[in-house]
Amino acid sequence: RKRGFKNKAFQTLEAVIDKLQEVIQGLEKSVLKSTVSRQWTRLLFENN
């Protein structure tokens, strides 16, 4: 919520994806690294 998805309704899924990309690109490197280093996140990609 504090990174751009506050209490907002999006018109389309594409609008959600666009906002997500914007938020991810604005993250500090340390925050992004911390997020993708979590075990449950890694498992999402290892099982595919």
PDB file of N, CA and C in Angstrom:
ATOM      1  N   ARG A   1       0.813  -1.198   0.000  1.00  0.00           N
ATOM      2  CA  ARG A   1       0.000   0.000   0.000  1.00  0.00           C
ATOM      3  C   ARG A   1       0.852   1.257   0.000  1.00  0.00           C
ATOM      4  N   LYS A   2       1.900   1.235   0.753  1.00  0.00           N
ATOM      5  CA  LYS A   2       2.689   2.459   0.848  1.00  0.00           C
ATOM      6  C   LYS A   2       3.554   2.687  -0.383  1.00  0.00           C
ATOM      7  N   ARG A   3       3.529   1.782  -1.338  1.00  0.00           N
ATOM      8  CA  ARG A   3       4.360   1.932  -2.519  1.00  0.00           C
ATOM      9  C   ARG A   3       3.568   2.196  -3.796  1.00  0.00           C
ATOM     10  N   GLY A   4       2.306   2.584  -3.686  1.00  0.00           N
ATOM     11  CA  GLY A   4       1.598   2.968  -4.890  1.00  0.00           C
ATOM     12  C   GLY A   4       0.268   2.298  -5.136  1.00  0.00           C
ATOM     13  N   PHE A   5      -0.089   1.305  -4.345  1.00  0.00           N
ATOM     14  CA  PHE A   5      -1.347   0.614  -4.564  1.00  0.00           C
ATOM     15  C   PHE A   5      -2.375   0.948  -3.498  1.00  0.00           C
ATOM     16  N   LYS A   6      -2.294   2.076  -2.930  1.00  0.00           N
ATOM     17  CA  LYS A   6      -3.228   2.494  -1.885  1.00  0.00           C
ATOM     18  C   LYS A   6      -4.635   1.958  -2.151  1.00  0.00           C
ATOM     19  N   ASN A   7      -5.621   2.491  -1.583  1.00  0.00           N
ATOM     20  CA  ASN A   7      -6.996   2.033  -1.769  1.00  0.00           C
ATOM     21  C   ASN A   7      -7.510   2.539  -3.118  1.00  0.00           C
ATOM     22  N   LYS A   8      -7.150   1.843  -4.182  1.00  0.00           N
ATOM     23  CA  LYS A   8      -7.469   2.297  -5.532  1.00  0.00           C
ATOM     24  C   LYS A   8      -8.062   1.155  -6.349  1.00  0.00           C
ATOM     25  N   ALA A   9      -9.081   1.466  -7.112  1.00  0.00           N
ATOM     26  CA  ALA A   9      -9.659   0.498  -8.046  1.00  0.00           C
ATOM     27  C   ALA A   9      -9.135   0.825  -9.443  1.00  0.00           C
ATOM     28  N   PHE A  10      -8.635  -0.186 -10.128  1.00  0.00           N
ATOM     29  CA  PHE A  10      -8.105   0.007 -11.472  1.00  0.00           C
ATOM     30  C   PHE A  10      -9.166  -0.381 -12.492  1.00  0.00           C
ATOM     31  N   GLN A  11      -9.152   0.277 -13.612  1.00  0.00           N
ATOM     32  CA  GLN A  11     -10.138   0.016 -14.661  1.00  0.00           C
ATOM     33  C   GLN A  11      -9.881  -1.304 -15.385  1.00  0.00           C
ATOM     34  N   THR A  12      -8.602  -1.649 -15.535  1.00  0.00           N
ATOM     35  CA  THR A  12      -8.254  -2.859 -16.284  1.00  0.00           C
ATOM     36  C   THR A  12      -7.080  -3.577 -15.621  1.00  0.00           C
ATOM     37  N   LEU A  13      -6.895  -4.826 -15.984  1.00  0.00           N
ATOM     38  CA  LEU A  13      -5.738  -5.578 -15.518  1.00  0.00           C
ATOM     39  C   LEU A  13      -4.462  -4.940 -16.062  1.00  0.00           C
ATOM     40  N   GLU A  14      -4.515  -4.448 -17.263  1.00  0.00           N
ATOM     41  CA  GLU A  14      -3.354  -3.777 -17.856  1.00  0.00           C
ATOM     42  C   GLU A  14      -2.932  -2.570 -17.022  1.00  0.00           C
ATOM     43  N   ALA A  15      -3.889  -1.839 -16.485  1.00  0.00           N
ATOM     44  CA  ALA A  15      -3.581  -0.693 -15.623  1.00  0.00           C
ATOM     45  C   ALA A  15      -2.890  -1.148 -14.341  1.00  0.00           C
ATOM     46  N   VAL A  16      -3.299  -2.292 -13.817  1.00  0.00           N
ATOM     47  CA  VAL A  16      -2.655  -2.854 -12.619  1.00  0.00           C
ATOM     48  C   VAL A  16      -1.208  -3.222 -12.943  1.00  0.00           C
ATOM     49  N   ILE A  17      -1.012  -3.878 -14.065  1.00  0.00           N
ATOM     50  CA  ILE A  17       0.331  -4.293 -14.476  1.00  0.00           C
ATOM     51  C   ILE A  17       1.222  -3.077 -14.701  1.00  0.00           C
ATOM     52  N   ASP A  18       0.696  -2.051 -15.347  1.00  0.00           N
ATOM     53  CA  ASP A  18       1.461  -0.819 -15.573  1.00  0.00           C
ATOM     54  C   ASP A  18       1.895  -0.196 -14.254  1.00  0.00           C
ATOM     55  N   LYS A  19       0.977  -0.141 -13.294  1.00  0.00           N
ATOM     56  CA  LYS A  19       1.296   0.441 -11.986  1.00  0.00           C
ATOM     57  C   LYS A  19       2.328  -0.413 -11.267  1.00  0.00           C
ATOM     58  N   LEU A  20       2.185  -1.726 -11.345  1.00  0.00           N
ATOM     59  CA  LEU A  20       3.142  -2.625 -10.713  1.00  0.00           C
ATOM     60  C   LEU A  20       4.542  -2.413 -11.290  1.00  0.00           C
ATOM     61  N   GLN A  21       4.637  -2.297 -12.596  1.00  0.00           N
ATOM     62  CA  GLN A  21       5.936  -2.052 -13.230  1.00  0.00           C
ATOM     63  C   GLN A  21       6.529  -0.732 -12.750  1.00  0.00           C
ATOM     64  N   GLU A  22       5.708   0.280 -12.659  1.00  0.00           N
ATOM     65  CA  GLU A  22       6.153   1.593 -12.186  1.00  0.00           C
ATOM     66  C   GLU A  22       6.690   1.502 -10.754  1.00  0.00           C
ATOM     67  N   VAL A  23       5.959   0.804  -9.908  1.00  0.00           N
ATOM     68  CA  VAL A  23       6.363   0.672  -8.504  1.00  0.00           C
ATOM     69  C   VAL A  23       7.663  -0.123  -8.395  1.00  0.00           C
ATOM     70  N   ILE A  24       7.767  -1.228  -9.123  1.00  0.00           N
ATOM     71  CA  ILE A  24       8.976  -2.057  -9.068  1.00  0.00           C
ATOM     72  C   ILE A  24      10.191  -1.267  -9.534  1.00  0.00           C
ATOM     73  N   GLN A  25      10.037  -0.506 -10.600  1.00  0.00           N
ATOM     74  CA  GLN A  25      11.159   0.275 -11.117  1.00  0.00           C
ATOM     75  C   GLN A  25      11.603   1.356 -10.139  1.00  0.00           C
ATOM     76  N   GLY A  26      10.706   1.782  -9.265  1.00  0.00           N
ATOM     77  CA  GLY A  26      11.038   2.811  -8.294  1.00  0.00           C
ATOM     78  C   GLY A  26      11.585   2.282  -6.976  1.00  0.00           C
ATOM     79  N   LEU A  27      11.639   0.964  -6.827  1.00  0.00           N
ATOM     80  CA  LEU A  27      12.129   0.383  -5.577  1.00  0.00           C
ATOM     81  C   LEU A  27      13.641   0.549  -5.449  1.00  0.00           C
ATOM     82  N   GLU A  28      14.086   0.721  -4.233  1.00  0.00           N
ATOM     83  CA  GLU A  28      15.520   0.738  -3.978  1.00  0.00           C
ATOM     84  C   GLU A  28      16.050  -0.674  -4.181  1.00  0.00           C
ATOM     85  N   LYS A  29      17.288  -0.762  -4.592  1.00  0.00           N
ATOM     86  CA  LYS A  29      17.898  -2.057  -4.880  1.00  0.00           C
ATOM     87  C   LYS A  29      17.824  -3.000  -3.674  1.00  0.00           C
ATOM     88  N   SER A  30      18.051  -2.480  -2.487  1.00  0.00           N
ATOM     89  CA  SER A  30      18.042  -3.325  -1.286  1.00  0.00           C
ATOM     90  C   SER A  30      16.650  -3.892  -1.003  1.00  0.00           C
ATOM     91  N   VAL A  31      15.611  -3.106  -1.261  1.00  0.00           N
ATOM     92  CA  VAL A  31      14.234  -3.569  -1.041  1.00  0.00           C
ATOM     93  C   VAL A  31      13.894  -4.662  -2.045  1.00  0.00           C
ATOM     94  N   LEU A  32      14.251  -4.446  -3.282  1.00  0.00           N
ATOM     95  CA  LEU A  32      13.983  -5.435  -4.319  1.00  0.00           C
ATOM     96  C   LEU A  32      14.739  -6.737  -4.037  1.00  0.00           C
ATOM     97  N   LYS A  33      15.997  -6.623  -3.656  1.00  0.00           N
ATOM     98  CA  LYS A  33      16.794  -7.809  -3.347  1.00  0.00           C
ATOM     99  C   LYS A  33      16.189  -8.574  -2.178  1.00  0.00           C
ATOM    100  N   SER A  34      15.748  -7.863  -1.169  1.00  0.00           N
ATOM    101  CA  SER A  34      15.139  -8.493  -0.002  1.00  0.00           C
ATOM    102  C   SER A  34      13.871  -9.250  -0.388  1.00  0.00           C
ATOM    103  N   THR A  35      13.090  -8.680  -1.280  1.00  0.00           N
ATOM    104  CA  THR A  35      11.832  -9.294  -1.703  1.00  0.00           C
ATOM    105  C   THR A  35      12.070 -10.562  -2.519  1.00  0.00           C
ATOM    106  N   VAL A  36      12.954 -10.490  -3.493  1.00  0.00           N
ATOM    107  CA  VAL A  36      13.158 -11.644  -4.372  1.00  0.00           C
ATOM    108  C   VAL A  36      14.045 -12.709  -3.748  1.00  0.00           C
ATOM    109  N   SER A  37      14.665 -12.408  -2.621  1.00  0.00           N
ATOM    110  CA  SER A  37      15.508 -13.391  -1.942  1.00  0.00           C
ATOM    111  C   SER A  37      14.720 -14.298  -1.010  1.00  0.00           C
ATOM    112  N   ARG A  38      13.471 -14.006  -0.790  1.00  0.00           N
ATOM    113  CA  ARG A  38      12.663 -14.813   0.128  1.00  0.00           C
ATOM    114  C   ARG A  38      12.419 -16.200  -0.465  1.00  0.00           C
ATOM    115  N   GLN A  39      12.399 -17.180   0.410  1.00  0.00           N
ATOM    116  CA  GLN A  39      12.277 -18.567  -0.044  1.00  0.00           C
ATOM    117  C   GLN A  39      11.012 -18.797  -0.869  1.00  0.00           C
ATOM    118  N   TRP A  40       9.864 -18.284  -0.424  1.00  0.00           N
ATOM    119  CA  TRP A  40       8.622 -18.539  -1.155  1.00  0.00           C
ATOM    120  C   TRP A  40       8.663 -17.908  -2.539  1.00  0.00           C
ATOM    121  N   THR A  41       9.399 -16.808  -2.689  1.00  0.00           N
ATOM    122  CA  THR A  41       9.508 -16.164  -3.997  1.00  0.00           C
ATOM    123  C   THR A  41      10.375 -17.010  -4.918  1.00  0.00           C
ATOM    124  N   ARG A  42      11.487 -17.499  -4.406  1.00  0.00           N
ATOM    125  CA  ARG A  42      12.373 -18.345  -5.214  1.00  0.00           C
ATOM    126  C   ARG A  42      11.671 -19.624  -5.643  1.00  0.00           C
ATOM    127  N   LEU A  43      10.874 -20.203  -4.753  1.00  0.00           N
ATOM    128  CA  LEU A  43      10.173 -21.446  -5.073  1.00  0.00           C
ATOM    129  C   LEU A  43       9.198 -21.275  -6.235  1.00  0.00           C
ATOM    130  N   LEU A  44       8.636 -20.096  -6.370  1.00  0.00           N
ATOM    131  CA  LEU A  44       7.724 -19.845  -7.492  1.00  0.00           C
ATOM    132  C   LEU A  44       8.412 -20.087  -8.826  1.00  0.00           C
ATOM    133  N   PHE A  45       9.683 -19.712  -8.918  1.00  0.00           N
ATOM    134  CA  PHE A  45      10.407 -19.821 -10.177  1.00  0.00           C
ATOM    135  C   PHE A  45      11.129 -21.154 -10.328  1.00  0.00           C
ATOM    136  N   GLU A  46      11.493 -21.771  -9.220  1.00  0.00           N
ATOM    137  CA  GLU A  46      12.193 -23.048  -9.285  1.00  0.00           C
ATOM    138  C   GLU A  46      11.269 -24.185  -9.695  1.00  0.00           C
ATOM    139  N   ASN A  47       9.985 -24.072  -9.399  1.00  0.00           N
ATOM    140  CA  ASN A  47       9.033 -25.145  -9.700  1.00  0.00           C
ATOM    141  C   ASN A  47       8.446 -25.046 -11.099  1.00  0.00           C
ATOM    142  N   ASN A  48       8.797 -24.025 -11.846  1.00  0.00           N
ATOM    143  CA  ASN A  48       8.239 -23.862 -13.203  1.00  0.00           C
ATOM    144  C   ASN A  48       9.205 -24.293 -14.257  1.00  0.00           C
TER     145      ASN A  48
END
